[in-house]
């Protein structure tokens, strides 16, 4: 859909050989954003589209389970709010 420059041709059976240990394909850019209130690091991996625009960001965070945290939501909104219809 976003016509990424990366193909994400990965298999779970080859997980130990993945370029990125979480999402498989190496990102074009990585940003690490600390969450001081939790002592966590939000790691955002950005993947560019063929037209050079970055529309895909995949993130992971340490020291958290599946919970909705203000820090994570704020950073997700910061990325999404760049785009308009």
C-alpha atoms as a PDB file:
ATOM      1  CA  UNK A   1       0.000   0.000   0.000  1.00  0.00           C
ATOM      2  CA  UNK A   2       2.759   2.472   0.889  1.00  0.00           C
ATOM      3  CA  UNK A   3       5.041   1.000  -1.796  1.00  0.00           C
ATOM      4  CA  UNK A   4       8.018   0.670   0.518  1.00  0.00           C
ATOM      5  CA  UNK A   5      11.547   0.515  -0.831  1.00  0.00           C
ATOM      6  CA  UNK A   6      12.049  -2.494   1.461  1.00  0.00           C
ATOM      7  CA  UNK A   7      10.311  -5.743   0.478  1.00  0.00           C
ATOM      8  CA  UNK A   8       9.868  -7.419   3.899  1.00  0.00           C
ATOM      9  CA  UNK A   9      10.596 -10.826   2.420  1.00  0.00           C
ATOM     10  CA  UNK A  10      11.221 -12.481   5.789  1.00  0.00           C
ATOM     11  CA  UNK A  11      10.269 -15.816   7.287  1.00  0.00           C
ATOM     12  CA  UNK A  12       9.776 -16.498  10.983  1.00  0.00           C
ATOM     13  CA  UNK A  13      11.880 -19.629  10.601  1.00  0.00           C
ATOM     14  CA  UNK A  14      14.852 -17.356   9.764  1.00  0.00           C
ATOM     15  CA  UNK A  15      14.262 -14.963  12.677  1.00  0.00           C
ATOM     16  CA  UNK A  16      17.840 -15.349  13.947  1.00  0.00           C
ATOM     17  CA  UNK A  17      19.100 -13.929  10.608  1.00  0.00           C
ATOM     18  CA  UNK A  18      16.766 -10.917  10.369  1.00  0.00           C
ATOM     19  CA  UNK A  19      18.383  -7.524   9.783  1.00  0.00           C
ATOM     20  CA  UNK A  20      16.048  -6.038  12.415  1.00  0.00           C
ATOM     21  CA  UNK A  21      15.353  -8.298  15.413  1.00  0.00           C
ATOM     22  CA  UNK A  22      11.745  -7.107  15.851  1.00  0.00           C
ATOM     23  CA  UNK A  23      10.364  -6.413  12.359  1.00  0.00           C
ATOM     24  CA  UNK A  24      12.751  -8.354  10.117  1.00  0.00           C
ATOM     25  CA  UNK A  25      13.755  -5.735   7.565  1.00  0.00           C
ATOM     26  CA  UNK A  26      16.321  -3.052   8.427  1.00  0.00           C
ATOM     27  CA  UNK A  27      14.699   0.396   8.650  1.00  0.00           C
ATOM     28  CA  UNK A  28      15.810   3.456   6.698  1.00  0.00           C
ATOM     29  CA  UNK A  29      16.054   5.434   9.935  1.00  0.00           C
ATOM     30  CA  UNK A  30      15.744   4.694  13.669  1.00  0.00           C
ATOM     31  CA  UNK A  31      14.750   7.096  16.426  1.00  0.00           C
ATOM     32  CA  UNK A  32      15.028   6.265  20.132  1.00  0.00           C
ATOM     33  CA  UNK A  33      12.740   8.393  22.307  1.00  0.00           C
ATOM     34  CA  UNK A  34      13.080   8.108  26.101  1.00  0.00           C
ATOM     35  CA  UNK A  35      10.016   7.989  28.353  1.00  0.00           C
ATOM     36  CA  UNK A  36      11.353   9.413  31.621  1.00  0.00           C
ATOM     37  CA  UNK A  37       8.126   8.681  33.503  1.00  0.00           C
ATOM     38  CA  UNK A  38       8.586   4.944  32.947  1.00  0.00           C
ATOM     39  CA  UNK A  39      12.312   4.599  32.323  1.00  0.00           C
ATOM     40  CA  UNK A  40      11.492   3.178  28.890  1.00  0.00           C
ATOM     41  CA  UNK A  41      12.829   3.712  25.405  1.00  0.00           C
ATOM     42  CA  UNK A  42      10.416   3.958  22.477  1.00  0.00           C
ATOM     43  CA  UNK A  43      12.253   2.746  19.370  1.00  0.00           C
ATOM     44  CA  UNK A  44      10.664   3.926  16.128  1.00  0.00           C
ATOM     45  CA  UNK A  45      11.778   2.382  12.847  1.00  0.00           C
ATOM     46  CA  UNK A  46      10.971   4.455   9.759  1.00  0.00           C
ATOM     47  CA  UNK A  47      10.582   2.935   6.289  1.00  0.00           C
ATOM     48  CA  UNK A  48      10.573   5.108   3.161  1.00  0.00           C
ATOM     49  CA  UNK A  49       8.168   4.719   0.275  1.00  0.00           C
ATOM     50  CA  UNK A  50       9.331   4.563  -3.337  1.00  0.00           C
ATOM     51  CA  UNK A  51       8.472   8.256  -3.787  1.00  0.00           C
ATOM     52  CA  UNK A  52      10.863   9.190  -0.955  1.00  0.00           C
ATOM     53  CA  UNK A  53       8.148  10.030   1.584  1.00  0.00           C
ATOM     54  CA  UNK A  54       8.185   8.185   4.904  1.00  0.00           C
ATOM     55  CA  UNK A  55       4.640   6.985   5.600  1.00  0.00           C
ATOM     56  CA  UNK A  56       5.476   3.868   7.620  1.00  0.00           C
ATOM     57  CA  UNK A  57       6.739   3.853  11.194  1.00  0.00           C
ATOM     58  CA  UNK A  58       6.899   0.668  13.249  1.00  0.00           C
ATOM     59  CA  UNK A  59       7.624   1.025  16.938  1.00  0.00           C
ATOM     60  CA  UNK A  60       8.498  -1.051  19.966  1.00  0.00           C
ATOM     61  CA  UNK A  61       9.036  -0.073  23.575  1.00  0.00           C
ATOM     62  CA  UNK A  62      10.817  -1.712  26.456  1.00  0.00           C
ATOM     63  CA  UNK A  63       9.607  -1.983  30.076  1.00  0.00           C
ATOM     64  CA  UNK A  64       5.935  -2.016  29.047  1.00  0.00           C
ATOM     65  CA  UNK A  65       3.288  -4.571  28.329  1.00  0.00           C
ATOM     66  CA  UNK A  66       0.330  -3.977  26.012  1.00  0.00           C
ATOM     67  CA  UNK A  67      -0.843  -0.729  27.515  1.00  0.00           C
ATOM     68  CA  UNK A  68      -1.704   2.677  26.142  1.00  0.00           C
ATOM     69  CA  UNK A  69       0.764   5.227  27.555  1.00  0.00           C
ATOM     70  CA  UNK A  70       0.687   8.997  27.078  1.00  0.00           C
ATOM     71  CA  UNK A  71       4.282   9.094  25.792  1.00  0.00           C
ATOM     72  CA  UNK A  72       3.644   6.460  23.134  1.00  0.00           C
ATOM     73  CA  UNK A  73       0.346   8.044  22.038  1.00  0.00           C
ATOM     74  CA  UNK A  74       1.911  11.503  21.786  1.00  0.00           C
ATOM     75  CA  UNK A  75       4.696  10.212  19.566  1.00  0.00           C
ATOM     76  CA  UNK A  76       2.284   8.241  17.382  1.00  0.00           C
ATOM     77  CA  UNK A  77       0.189  11.387  16.933  1.00  0.00           C
ATOM     78  CA  UNK A  78       3.306  13.435  16.141  1.00  0.00           C
ATOM     79  CA  UNK A  79       3.999  11.074  13.230  1.00  0.00           C
ATOM     80  CA  UNK A  80       0.392  10.738  12.007  1.00  0.00           C
ATOM     81  CA  UNK A  81      -0.388  14.447  12.197  1.00  0.00           C
ATOM     82  CA  UNK A  82       2.086  15.118   9.375  1.00  0.00           C
ATOM     83  CA  UNK A  83      -0.420  13.712   6.912  1.00  0.00           C
ATOM     84  CA  UNK A  84      -3.644  15.263   5.676  1.00  0.00           C
ATOM     85  CA  UNK A  85      -6.281  14.078   3.287  1.00  0.00           C
END
